[in-house]
Amino acid sequence: MATRIKTRRVYVPAKEAKNRFGELLEAAQRHPILITKNNRVVAEIRRSSERTRFEEMEDKIWGERALKAEKEGYIGVKASKKLMDRFRNA
């Protein structure tokens, strides 16, 4: 079971974000910054390494699923295409 890490989020109105952009870039290294307009979140600023970690985790999950499918009898790309073509033409 995956555990969720609780992250502090800071909400900043768009006008304030425009005026304090440099400060927000620095603050984004510590926690996500959510930009609001008319009390709705319209954008998010977060450190770039956080996105990289997300992509790495996503790749790991898909890799594990692929290995599991292979062990359970994955039929391969060509056989899958042939089977799908048969279903389409039925």
Protein backbone atom coordinates (compact mmCIF):
# COMPACT_ATOMS: atom_id res chain seq x y z
CA MET A 1 0.00 0.00 0.00
CA ALA A 2 1.34 3.43 -0.93
CA THR A 3 1.77 6.03 1.75
CA ARG A 4 1.02 9.66 1.11
CA ILE A 5 3.42 12.28 2.35
CA LYS A 6 1.58 15.35 3.57
CA THR A 7 3.04 18.45 1.97
CA ARG A 8 2.47 22.02 3.05
CA ARG A 9 0.91 24.06 0.27
CA VAL A 10 0.87 27.83 0.09
CA TYR A 11 -1.94 29.66 -1.69
CA VAL A 12 -1.05 33.00 -3.29
CA PRO A 13 -3.33 35.34 -5.27
CA ALA A 14 -2.20 35.88 -8.89
CA LYS A 15 -1.53 39.60 -8.41
CA GLU A 16 0.71 38.93 -5.42
CA ALA A 17 2.45 36.11 -7.31
CA LYS A 18 3.23 38.54 -10.15
CA ASN A 19 4.72 41.06 -7.74
CA ARG A 20 6.72 38.51 -5.71
CA PHE A 21 7.67 35.97 -8.41
CA GLY A 22 11.33 35.71 -7.38
CA GLU A 23 10.39 35.01 -3.75
CA LEU A 24 7.89 32.38 -4.85
CA LEU A 25 10.52 30.59 -6.93
CA GLU A 26 12.68 30.34 -3.82
CA ALA A 27 9.74 29.20 -1.67
CA ALA A 28 8.83 26.54 -4.27
CA GLN A 29 12.07 24.75 -3.37
CA ARG A 30 10.55 24.05 0.05
CA HIS A 31 6.86 23.49 -0.75
CA PRO A 32 4.38 23.79 -3.64
CA ILE A 33 2.95 27.23 -4.35
CA LEU A 34 -0.64 27.34 -5.61
CA ILE A 35 -1.58 30.47 -7.57
CA THR A 36 -5.22 31.53 -7.24
CA LYS A 37 -7.44 33.81 -9.26
CA ASN A 38 -10.96 34.58 -8.05
CA ASN A 39 -10.39 32.08 -5.21
CA ARG A 40 -9.72 29.21 -7.66
CA VAL A 41 -6.37 27.47 -8.11
CA VAL A 42 -5.15 28.25 -11.64
CA ALA A 43 -1.48 27.24 -11.49
CA GLU A 44 1.08 25.51 -9.34
CA ILE A 45 4.79 26.17 -8.90
CA ARG A 46 6.94 23.35 -7.55
CA ARG A 47 10.60 22.42 -7.70
CA SER A 48 11.59 20.64 -10.89
CA SER A 49 13.18 17.69 -9.07
CA GLU A 50 9.76 16.82 -7.63
CA ARG A 51 8.41 16.21 -11.14
CA THR A 52 11.40 14.02 -11.90
CA ARG A 53 10.73 11.87 -8.83
CA PHE A 54 7.10 11.48 -9.92
CA GLU A 55 8.16 10.35 -13.38
CA GLU A 56 10.67 7.89 -11.91
CA MET A 57 7.97 6.39 -9.68
CA GLU A 58 5.54 6.16 -12.59
CA ASP A 59 8.17 4.36 -14.70
CA LYS A 60 8.83 1.95 -11.85
CA ILE A 61 5.12 1.15 -11.46
CA TRP A 62 4.66 0.53 -15.21
CA GLY A 63 7.81 -1.59 -15.25
CA GLU A 64 6.49 -3.74 -12.42
CA ARG A 65 3.15 -4.13 -14.21
CA ALA A 66 4.93 -5.19 -17.41
CA LEU A 67 6.95 -7.83 -15.54
CA LYS A 68 3.79 -9.13 -13.87
CA ALA A 69 1.97 -9.33 -17.22
CA GLU A 70 4.92 -11.17 -18.73
CA LYS A 71 4.93 -13.72 -15.90
CA GLU A 72 1.17 -14.21 -16.20
CA GLY A 73 1.42 -15.09 -19.87
CA TYR A 74 1.57 -11.87 -21.84
CA ILE A 75 1.16 -12.86 -25.47
CA GLY A 76 3.35 -10.20 -27.09
CA VAL A 77 2.82 -7.29 -29.46
CA LYS A 78 2.20 -9.25 -32.69
CA ALA A 79 -0.18 -11.73 -31.10
CA SER A 80 -2.03 -8.89 -29.33
CA LYS A 81 -2.45 -7.01 -32.61
CA LYS A 82 -3.70 -10.14 -34.36
CA LEU A 83 -6.21 -10.77 -31.57
CA MET A 84 -7.45 -7.15 -31.62
CA ASP A 85 -7.83 -7.30 -35.42
CA ARG A 86 -9.91 -10.46 -35.04
CA PHE A 87 -12.20 -8.70 -32.50
CA ARG A 88 -12.59 -5.67 -34.79
CA ASN A 89 -13.53 -7.81 -37.76
CA ALA A 90 -15.97 -10.02 -35.85
